[in-house]
Amino acid sequence: MQPDPASSLGGDTQIRVFNYVDGKTGTMFKWLGNSGLVPLTLTGVDTPSDSRALIAVTGARAVPVVESRGCCRYDDPAPWAASSFQPLVVQPGQQGAVILHILMSNCEFNAGGGIVGFDGIRVRYSILGMPRSDYIPFFDAVSVKVPDTCPRTAP
């Protein structure tokens, strides 16, 4: 399992910094390649349980097999019609995609002026029926600038 090399920006991790908007949601579309010799089955993406994270992946779905990269919109509702992550078989030398639901919240637990984010996801998959998981780094880390003030205070 590897991140898609086509999304590399010169081999270095790039950082995208967004301004914090309390309660804002968004989606990310990530391609994952199978560099092995046998098919693998994507079975899920871990969603961190840190209830105080400023930005977090709150859900993930496999995207049905498509003919080519760039054909699917981030806002396509089809993957979210399933109640949970549906397994996706990725053949050797091929790619599969996942769409991630992202939430900005919990500014009351984060000190103002910093930048927080994440630079990858833990993907669960199986090969020949054996479950595995790997941390897949992004070539484009996602970060949020911690707001100087928050509409709420920590309990």
N, C-alpha and C. Protein backbone atom coordinates (compact mmCIF):
# COMPACT_ATOMS: atom_id res chain seq x y z
N MET A 1 0.86 -1.17 0.00
CA MET A 1 0.00 0.00 0.00
C MET A 1 0.90 1.22 0.00
N GLN A 2 0.59 2.18 -0.84
CA GLN A 2 1.41 3.37 -0.92
C GLN A 2 0.54 4.55 -1.34
N PRO A 3 0.95 5.76 -0.97
CA PRO A 3 0.24 6.92 -1.49
C PRO A 3 0.49 7.01 -2.99
N ASP A 4 -0.43 7.60 -3.70
CA ASP A 4 -0.29 7.72 -5.13
C ASP A 4 0.87 8.64 -5.47
N PRO A 5 1.92 8.13 -6.18
CA PRO A 5 3.07 8.97 -6.47
C PRO A 5 2.73 10.14 -7.39
N ALA A 6 1.64 10.05 -8.12
CA ALA A 6 1.27 11.14 -9.02
C ALA A 6 0.88 12.40 -8.27
N SER A 7 0.56 12.27 -6.98
CA SER A 7 0.17 13.47 -6.23
C SER A 7 1.36 14.12 -5.53
N SER A 8 2.56 13.56 -5.73
CA SER A 8 3.77 14.12 -5.13
C SER A 8 4.08 15.48 -5.71
N LEU A 9 4.46 16.40 -4.86
CA LEU A 9 4.87 17.72 -5.31
C LEU A 9 6.37 17.86 -5.07
N GLY A 10 7.15 17.29 -5.95
CA GLY A 10 8.59 17.37 -5.83
C GLY A 10 9.16 16.48 -4.75
N GLY A 11 8.38 15.54 -4.23
CA GLY A 11 8.87 14.62 -3.22
C GLY A 11 8.83 15.16 -1.81
N ASP A 12 8.59 16.43 -1.61
CA ASP A 12 8.52 17.01 -0.27
C ASP A 12 7.08 17.16 0.14
N THR A 13 6.82 17.04 1.44
CA THR A 13 5.47 17.26 1.93
C THR A 13 5.14 18.74 1.82
N GLN A 14 4.04 19.02 1.19
CA GLN A 14 3.53 20.38 1.10
C GLN A 14 2.49 20.56 2.21
N ILE A 15 2.31 21.76 2.66
CA ILE A 15 1.34 22.02 3.72
C ILE A 15 0.30 23.01 3.23
N ARG A 16 -0.95 22.64 3.39
CA ARG A 16 -2.06 23.56 3.10
C ARG A 16 -2.60 24.04 4.44
N VAL A 17 -2.62 25.34 4.65
CA VAL A 17 -3.11 25.90 5.91
C VAL A 17 -4.41 26.64 5.63
N PHE A 18 -5.46 26.22 6.34
CA PHE A 18 -6.77 26.84 6.20
C PHE A 18 -7.06 27.68 7.44
N ASN A 19 -7.84 28.73 7.26
CA ASN A 19 -8.32 29.49 8.41
C ASN A 19 -9.42 28.70 9.07
N TYR A 20 -9.43 28.71 10.39
CA TYR A 20 -10.42 27.98 11.17
C TYR A 20 -11.80 28.63 11.04
N VAL A 21 -12.80 27.80 10.76
CA VAL A 21 -14.21 28.23 10.75
C VAL A 21 -14.95 27.21 11.60
N ASP A 22 -15.42 27.62 12.76
CA ASP A 22 -16.04 26.71 13.72
C ASP A 22 -17.21 25.94 13.09
N GLY A 23 -17.13 24.60 13.15
CA GLY A 23 -18.17 23.74 12.63
C GLY A 23 -18.11 23.49 11.14
N LYS A 24 -17.13 24.05 10.45
CA LYS A 24 -17.00 23.87 9.00
C LYS A 24 -16.64 22.43 8.68
N THR A 25 -17.28 21.89 7.67
CA THR A 25 -16.97 20.54 7.20
C THR A 25 -16.45 20.61 5.77
N GLY A 26 -15.73 19.60 5.40
CA GLY A 26 -15.22 19.52 4.04
C GLY A 26 -14.89 18.09 3.71
N THR A 27 -14.45 17.87 2.49
CA THR A 27 -14.08 16.52 2.06
C THR A 27 -12.72 16.54 1.40
N MET A 28 -12.05 15.41 1.48
CA MET A 28 -10.77 15.20 0.80
C MET A 28 -10.88 13.89 0.03
N PHE A 29 -10.31 13.87 -1.13
CA PHE A 29 -10.32 12.70 -2.00
C PHE A 29 -8.89 12.21 -2.10
N LYS A 30 -8.61 10.97 -1.70
CA LYS A 30 -7.24 10.44 -1.72
C LYS A 30 -7.16 9.14 -2.52
N TRP A 31 -6.21 9.11 -3.44
CA TRP A 31 -5.95 7.91 -4.22
C TRP A 31 -4.91 7.05 -3.51
N LEU A 32 -5.13 5.72 -3.52
CA LEU A 32 -4.21 4.77 -2.91
C LEU A 32 -3.87 3.72 -3.95
N GLY A 33 -2.58 3.44 -4.12
CA GLY A 33 -2.15 2.49 -5.14
C GLY A 33 -1.74 1.16 -4.56
N ASN A 34 -1.95 0.10 -5.33
CA ASN A 34 -1.52 -1.25 -4.96
C ASN A 34 -0.26 -1.56 -5.76
N SER A 35 0.89 -1.53 -5.08
CA SER A 35 2.16 -1.81 -5.74
C SER A 35 2.57 -3.27 -5.60
N GLY A 36 1.68 -4.10 -5.03
CA GLY A 36 2.00 -5.51 -4.82
C GLY A 36 1.68 -6.37 -6.03
N LEU A 37 1.79 -7.68 -5.81
CA LEU A 37 1.57 -8.66 -6.88
C LEU A 37 0.21 -9.33 -6.83
N VAL A 38 -0.54 -9.09 -5.74
CA VAL A 38 -1.87 -9.68 -5.60
C VAL A 38 -2.87 -8.59 -5.25
N PRO A 39 -4.15 -8.83 -5.50
CA PRO A 39 -5.16 -7.83 -5.16
C PRO A 39 -5.17 -7.56 -3.65
N LEU A 40 -5.55 -6.36 -3.28
CA LEU A 40 -5.77 -6.05 -1.87
C LEU A 40 -7.18 -5.47 -1.75
N THR A 41 -7.73 -5.59 -0.56
CA THR A 41 -9.07 -5.07 -0.31
C THR A 41 -9.00 -3.98 0.74
N LEU A 42 -9.35 -2.75 0.34
CA LEU A 42 -9.45 -1.66 1.31
C LEU A 42 -10.65 -1.94 2.19
N THR A 43 -10.46 -1.93 3.51
CA THR A 43 -11.56 -2.26 4.42
C THR A 43 -11.93 -1.12 5.36
N GLY A 44 -11.14 -0.05 5.41
CA GLY A 44 -11.52 1.06 6.26
C GLY A 44 -10.40 2.06 6.46
N VAL A 45 -10.76 3.17 7.07
CA VAL A 45 -9.83 4.22 7.43
C VAL A 45 -10.09 4.55 8.89
N ASP A 46 -9.04 4.57 9.70
CA ASP A 46 -9.22 4.91 11.11
C ASP A 46 -9.58 6.38 11.24
N THR A 47 -10.55 6.65 12.09
CA THR A 47 -10.90 8.03 12.42
C THR A 47 -10.45 8.25 13.85
N PRO A 48 -9.50 9.17 14.06
CA PRO A 48 -8.96 9.38 15.41
C PRO A 48 -10.07 9.69 16.42
N SER A 49 -9.86 9.24 17.63
CA SER A 49 -10.88 9.42 18.67
C SER A 49 -10.59 10.62 19.57
N ASP A 50 -9.64 11.48 19.18
CA ASP A 50 -9.32 12.64 19.99
C ASP A 50 -10.48 13.63 19.92
N SER A 51 -11.26 13.71 20.98
CA SER A 51 -12.46 14.55 20.98
C SER A 51 -12.13 16.03 21.10
N ARG A 52 -10.85 16.37 21.22
CA ARG A 52 -10.45 17.78 21.34
C ARG A 52 -9.67 18.27 20.14
N ALA A 53 -9.63 17.50 19.08
CA ALA A 53 -8.86 17.88 17.89
C ALA A 53 -9.50 19.08 17.20
N LEU A 54 -8.68 19.98 16.74
CA LEU A 54 -9.17 21.17 16.03
C LEU A 54 -9.66 20.81 14.64
N ILE A 55 -9.00 19.86 14.01
CA ILE A 55 -9.41 19.36 12.70
C ILE A 55 -9.28 17.85 12.74
N ALA A 56 -10.29 17.15 12.24
CA ALA A 56 -10.27 15.69 12.34
C ALA A 56 -11.03 15.05 11.20
N VAL A 57 -10.62 13.83 10.87
CA VAL A 57 -11.37 13.01 9.92
C VAL A 57 -12.50 12.38 10.74
N THR A 58 -13.73 12.64 10.33
CA THR A 58 -14.88 12.12 11.07
C THR A 58 -15.57 10.97 10.35
N GLY A 59 -15.16 10.69 9.14
CA GLY A 59 -15.74 9.59 8.39
C GLY A 59 -14.96 9.35 7.12
N ALA A 60 -15.10 8.15 6.57
CA ALA A 60 -14.42 7.80 5.32
C ALA A 60 -15.26 6.78 4.57
N ARG A 61 -15.20 6.86 3.26
CA ARG A 61 -15.89 5.90 2.41
C ARG A 61 -15.01 5.57 1.22
N ALA A 62 -15.12 4.34 0.75
CA ALA A 62 -14.45 3.95 -0.50
C ALA A 62 -15.24 4.55 -1.65
N VAL A 63 -14.53 4.93 -2.68
CA VAL A 63 -15.18 5.47 -3.87
C VAL A 63 -15.26 4.35 -4.89
N PRO A 64 -16.43 4.11 -5.47
CA PRO A 64 -16.55 3.05 -6.46
C PRO A 64 -15.51 3.20 -7.56
N VAL A 65 -15.11 2.07 -8.12
CA VAL A 65 -14.07 2.06 -9.15
C VAL A 65 -14.47 2.98 -10.29
N VAL A 66 -13.51 3.77 -10.72
CA VAL A 66 -13.75 4.73 -11.80
C VAL A 66 -12.71 4.50 -12.89
N GLU A 67 -13.00 4.97 -14.08
CA GLU A 67 -12.13 4.74 -15.22
C GLU A 67 -10.82 5.51 -15.16
N SER A 68 -10.85 6.74 -14.64
CA SER A 68 -9.62 7.52 -14.63
C SER A 68 -9.62 8.50 -13.48
N ARG A 69 -8.43 8.97 -13.14
CA ARG A 69 -8.28 9.96 -12.09
C ARG A 69 -9.00 11.24 -12.49
N GLY A 70 -9.47 11.96 -11.49
CA GLY A 70 -10.07 13.26 -11.74
C GLY A 70 -11.51 13.21 -12.20
N CYS A 71 -12.12 12.03 -12.21
CA CYS A 71 -13.47 11.93 -12.73
C CYS A 71 -14.54 12.19 -11.68
N CYS A 72 -14.16 12.15 -10.42
CA CYS A 72 -15.16 12.26 -9.36
C CYS A 72 -15.03 13.59 -8.63
N ARG A 73 -16.16 14.18 -8.31
CA ARG A 73 -16.16 15.43 -7.57
C ARG A 73 -16.07 15.15 -6.08
N TYR A 74 -15.47 16.07 -5.34
CA TYR A 74 -15.39 15.93 -3.89
C TYR A 74 -16.78 15.91 -3.25
N ASP A 75 -17.73 16.58 -3.87
CA ASP A 75 -19.05 16.70 -3.25
C ASP A 75 -20.04 15.64 -3.74
N ASP A 76 -19.54 14.62 -4.45
CA ASP A 76 -20.42 13.56 -4.93
C ASP A 76 -21.02 12.82 -3.74
N PRO A 77 -22.36 12.78 -3.62
CA PRO A 77 -22.98 12.14 -2.46
C PRO A 77 -22.99 10.61 -2.51
N ALA A 78 -22.70 10.00 -3.66
CA ALA A 78 -22.81 8.55 -3.79
C ALA A 78 -22.04 7.76 -2.74
N PRO A 79 -20.75 8.07 -2.46
CA PRO A 79 -20.05 7.27 -1.45
C PRO A 79 -20.70 7.36 -0.07
N TRP A 80 -21.35 8.47 0.25
CA TRP A 80 -21.94 8.65 1.57
C TRP A 80 -23.30 7.98 1.69
N ALA A 81 -23.83 7.43 0.58
CA ALA A 81 -25.11 6.72 0.65
C ALA A 81 -24.98 5.43 1.46
N ALA A 82 -23.78 4.85 1.49
CA ALA A 82 -23.55 3.64 2.28
C ALA A 82 -23.45 4.03 3.76
N SER A 83 -23.95 3.17 4.63
CA SER A 83 -23.95 3.48 6.07
C SER A 83 -22.58 3.34 6.70
N SER A 84 -21.66 2.67 6.01
CA SER A 84 -20.31 2.51 6.53
C SER A 84 -19.35 2.30 5.35
N PHE A 85 -18.07 2.19 5.67
CA PHE A 85 -17.05 1.97 4.64
C PHE A 85 -17.31 0.62 3.99
N GLN A 86 -17.48 0.60 2.68
CA GLN A 86 -17.69 -0.65 1.95
C GLN A 86 -16.36 -1.10 1.35
N PRO A 87 -16.00 -2.38 1.51
CA PRO A 87 -14.72 -2.86 0.99
C PRO A 87 -14.56 -2.57 -0.50
N LEU A 88 -13.32 -2.31 -0.88
CA LEU A 88 -13.01 -2.00 -2.28
C LEU A 88 -11.77 -2.80 -2.68
N VAL A 89 -11.89 -3.65 -3.69
CA VAL A 89 -10.76 -4.45 -4.17
C VAL A 89 -9.94 -3.59 -5.13
N VAL A 90 -8.62 -3.56 -4.88
CA VAL A 90 -7.69 -2.83 -5.74
C VAL A 90 -6.72 -3.84 -6.34
N GLN A 91 -6.75 -3.98 -7.65
CA GLN A 91 -5.91 -4.95 -8.34
C GLN A 91 -4.46 -4.46 -8.38
N PRO A 92 -3.48 -5.38 -8.55
CA PRO A 92 -2.08 -4.99 -8.65
C PRO A 92 -1.87 -3.93 -9.75
N GLY A 93 -1.09 -2.93 -9.43
CA GLY A 93 -0.82 -1.87 -10.39
C GLY A 93 -1.95 -0.88 -10.58
N GLN A 94 -3.03 -1.05 -9.84
CA GLN A 94 -4.19 -0.16 -9.97
C GLN A 94 -4.31 0.73 -8.74
N GLN A 95 -5.30 1.61 -8.78
CA GLN A 95 -5.54 2.53 -7.67
C GLN A 95 -6.98 2.44 -7.22
N GLY A 96 -7.19 2.72 -5.95
CA GLY A 96 -8.52 2.88 -5.39
C GLY A 96 -8.54 4.23 -4.70
N ALA A 97 -9.72 4.70 -4.41
CA ALA A 97 -9.81 6.02 -3.78
C ALA A 97 -10.70 5.97 -2.56
N VAL A 98 -10.40 6.86 -1.63
CA VAL A 98 -11.26 7.06 -0.47
C VAL A 98 -11.59 8.54 -0.39
N ILE A 99 -12.76 8.81 0.13
CA ILE A 99 -13.16 10.19 0.36
C ILE A 99 -13.29 10.35 1.87
N LEU A 100 -12.71 11.42 2.39
CA LEU A 100 -12.67 11.67 3.83
C LEU A 100 -13.56 12.85 4.18
N HIS A 101 -14.30 12.72 5.25
CA HIS A 101 -15.11 13.83 5.76
C HIS A 101 -14.30 14.49 6.87
N ILE A 102 -14.09 15.80 6.77
CA ILE A 102 -13.25 16.56 7.69
C ILE A 102 -14.11 17.55 8.46
N LEU A 103 -13.84 17.72 9.75
CA LEU A 103 -14.58 18.66 10.60
C LEU A 103 -13.61 19.56 11.35
N MET A 104 -13.91 20.87 11.35
CA MET A 104 -13.18 21.83 12.18
C MET A 104 -14.05 22.12 13.39
N SER A 105 -13.51 21.89 14.58
CA SER A 105 -14.25 22.19 15.80
C SER A 105 -13.31 22.14 16.99
N ASN A 106 -13.83 22.39 18.18
CA ASN A 106 -13.06 22.30 19.42
C ASN A 106 -12.01 23.39 19.60
N CYS A 107 -12.26 24.58 19.09
CA CYS A 107 -11.28 25.65 19.25
C CYS A 107 -11.04 25.98 20.72
N GLU A 108 -12.02 25.70 21.58
CA GLU A 108 -11.86 26.02 23.00
C GLU A 108 -10.77 25.20 23.68
N PHE A 109 -10.33 24.11 23.06
CA PHE A 109 -9.30 23.27 23.65
C PHE A 109 -7.92 23.51 23.04
N ASN A 110 -7.80 24.49 22.17
CA ASN A 110 -6.54 24.74 21.47
C ASN A 110 -6.10 26.17 21.67
N ALA A 111 -4.83 26.36 21.99
CA ALA A 111 -4.29 27.70 22.25
C ALA A 111 -4.21 28.49 20.95
N GLY A 112 -4.51 29.77 21.02
CA GLY A 112 -4.51 30.63 19.85
C GLY A 112 -3.12 30.84 19.25
N GLY A 113 -3.09 31.07 17.95
CA GLY A 113 -1.86 31.44 17.28
C GLY A 113 -1.07 30.32 16.66
N GLY A 114 -1.37 29.07 16.93
CA GLY A 114 -0.60 27.96 16.37
C GLY A 114 -1.22 27.40 15.10
N ILE A 115 -0.64 26.34 14.63
CA ILE A 115 -1.16 25.61 13.47
C ILE A 115 -1.20 24.14 13.85
N VAL A 116 -2.34 23.50 13.63
CA VAL A 116 -2.47 22.07 13.90
C VAL A 116 -3.04 21.40 12.65
N GLY A 117 -2.81 20.10 12.52
CA GLY A 117 -3.34 19.41 11.37
C GLY A 117 -2.93 17.96 11.35
N PHE A 118 -3.03 17.36 10.18
CA PHE A 118 -2.62 15.97 10.03
C PHE A 118 -1.98 15.79 8.66
N ASP A 119 -1.10 14.79 8.58
CA ASP A 119 -0.34 14.60 7.36
C ASP A 119 -0.48 13.20 6.79
N GLY A 120 -1.54 12.49 7.20
CA GLY A 120 -1.77 11.16 6.67
C GLY A 120 -2.93 10.48 7.35
N ILE A 121 -3.22 9.27 6.93
CA ILE A 121 -4.31 8.48 7.50
C ILE A 121 -3.85 7.04 7.70
N ARG A 122 -4.45 6.36 8.65
CA ARG A 122 -4.20 4.93 8.83
C ARG A 122 -5.29 4.18 8.06
N VAL A 123 -4.85 3.40 7.08
CA VAL A 123 -5.76 2.66 6.21
C VAL A 123 -5.73 1.19 6.60
N ARG A 124 -6.92 0.60 6.73
CA ARG A 124 -7.05 -0.84 6.99
C ARG A 124 -7.33 -1.53 5.65
N TYR A 125 -6.67 -2.68 5.47
CA TYR A 125 -6.86 -3.45 4.24
C TYR A 125 -6.53 -4.90 4.51
N SER A 126 -6.84 -5.75 3.56
CA SER A 126 -6.47 -7.17 3.69
C SER A 126 -5.85 -7.64 2.38
N ILE A 127 -4.92 -8.58 2.55
CA ILE A 127 -4.28 -9.23 1.42
C ILE A 127 -4.41 -10.72 1.63
N LEU A 128 -5.02 -11.40 0.68
CA LEU A 128 -5.28 -12.84 0.78
C LEU A 128 -5.99 -13.18 2.09
N GLY A 129 -6.90 -12.30 2.50
CA GLY A 129 -7.70 -12.54 3.70
C GLY A 129 -7.03 -12.17 5.01
N MET A 130 -5.77 -11.74 4.96
CA MET A 130 -5.05 -11.37 6.18
C MET A 130 -5.18 -9.86 6.41
N PRO A 131 -5.77 -9.46 7.56
CA PRO A 131 -5.94 -8.03 7.82
C PRO A 131 -4.62 -7.34 8.12
N ARG A 132 -4.52 -6.10 7.65
CA ARG A 132 -3.33 -5.28 7.85
C ARG A 132 -3.75 -3.83 7.98
N SER A 133 -2.82 -3.00 8.41
CA SER A 133 -3.05 -1.55 8.38
C SER A 133 -1.71 -0.85 8.21
N ASP A 134 -1.74 0.28 7.54
CA ASP A 134 -0.54 1.09 7.33
C ASP A 134 -0.92 2.56 7.46
N TYR A 135 0.04 3.33 7.97
CA TYR A 135 -0.13 4.77 7.99
C TYR A 135 0.33 5.28 6.63
N ILE A 136 -0.55 5.95 5.92
CA ILE A 136 -0.25 6.46 4.59
C ILE A 136 -0.06 7.97 4.68
N PRO A 137 1.17 8.44 4.51
CA PRO A 137 1.40 9.89 4.59
C PRO A 137 0.86 10.60 3.36
N PHE A 138 0.42 11.82 3.54
CA PHE A 138 -0.02 12.66 2.43
C PHE A 138 1.19 13.43 1.92
N PHE A 139 1.17 13.74 0.66
CA PHE A 139 2.17 14.65 0.10
C PHE A 139 1.74 16.09 0.32
N ASP A 140 0.50 16.26 0.72
CA ASP A 140 -0.05 17.59 0.96
C ASP A 140 -0.77 17.57 2.31
N ALA A 141 -0.03 17.86 3.37
CA ALA A 141 -0.58 17.87 4.72
C ALA A 141 -1.69 18.92 4.82
N VAL A 142 -2.65 18.67 5.69
CA VAL A 142 -3.77 19.59 5.88
C VAL A 142 -3.67 20.17 7.28
N SER A 143 -3.63 21.49 7.36
CA SER A 143 -3.49 22.16 8.65
C SER A 143 -4.48 23.32 8.76
N VAL A 144 -4.74 23.69 10.00
CA VAL A 144 -5.66 24.79 10.30
C VAL A 144 -4.96 25.73 11.26
N LYS A 145 -5.10 27.01 11.01
CA LYS A 145 -4.57 28.02 11.92
C LYS A 145 -5.52 28.12 13.11
N VAL A 146 -4.96 27.96 14.30
CA VAL A 146 -5.77 28.05 15.52
C VAL A 146 -6.24 29.50 15.66
N PRO A 147 -7.55 29.70 15.87
CA PRO A 147 -8.04 31.07 15.99
C PRO A 147 -7.55 31.73 17.26
N ASP A 148 -7.39 33.06 17.21
CA ASP A 148 -6.97 33.80 18.40
C ASP A 148 -8.07 33.81 19.46
N THR A 149 -9.31 33.79 19.01
CA THR A 149 -10.45 33.74 19.94
C THR A 149 -11.40 32.65 19.47
N CYS A 150 -12.16 32.12 20.41
CA CYS A 150 -13.12 31.05 20.12
C CYS A 150 -14.48 31.47 20.64
N PRO A 151 -15.56 31.08 19.92
CA PRO A 151 -16.90 31.44 20.40
C PRO A 151 -17.33 30.71 21.67
N ARG A 152 -16.55 29.71 22.09
CA ARG A 152 -16.86 28.95 23.30
C ARG A 152 -15.67 28.96 24.25
N THR A 153 -15.90 28.62 25.50
CA THR A 153 -14.81 28.43 26.45
C THR A 153 -14.77 26.98 26.89
N ALA A 154 -13.59 26.52 27.23
CA ALA A 154 -13.43 25.12 27.66
C ALA A 154 -14.15 24.92 28.99
N PRO A 155 -14.76 23.73 29.15
CA PRO A 155 -15.45 23.44 30.42
C PRO A 155 -14.51 23.38 31.61
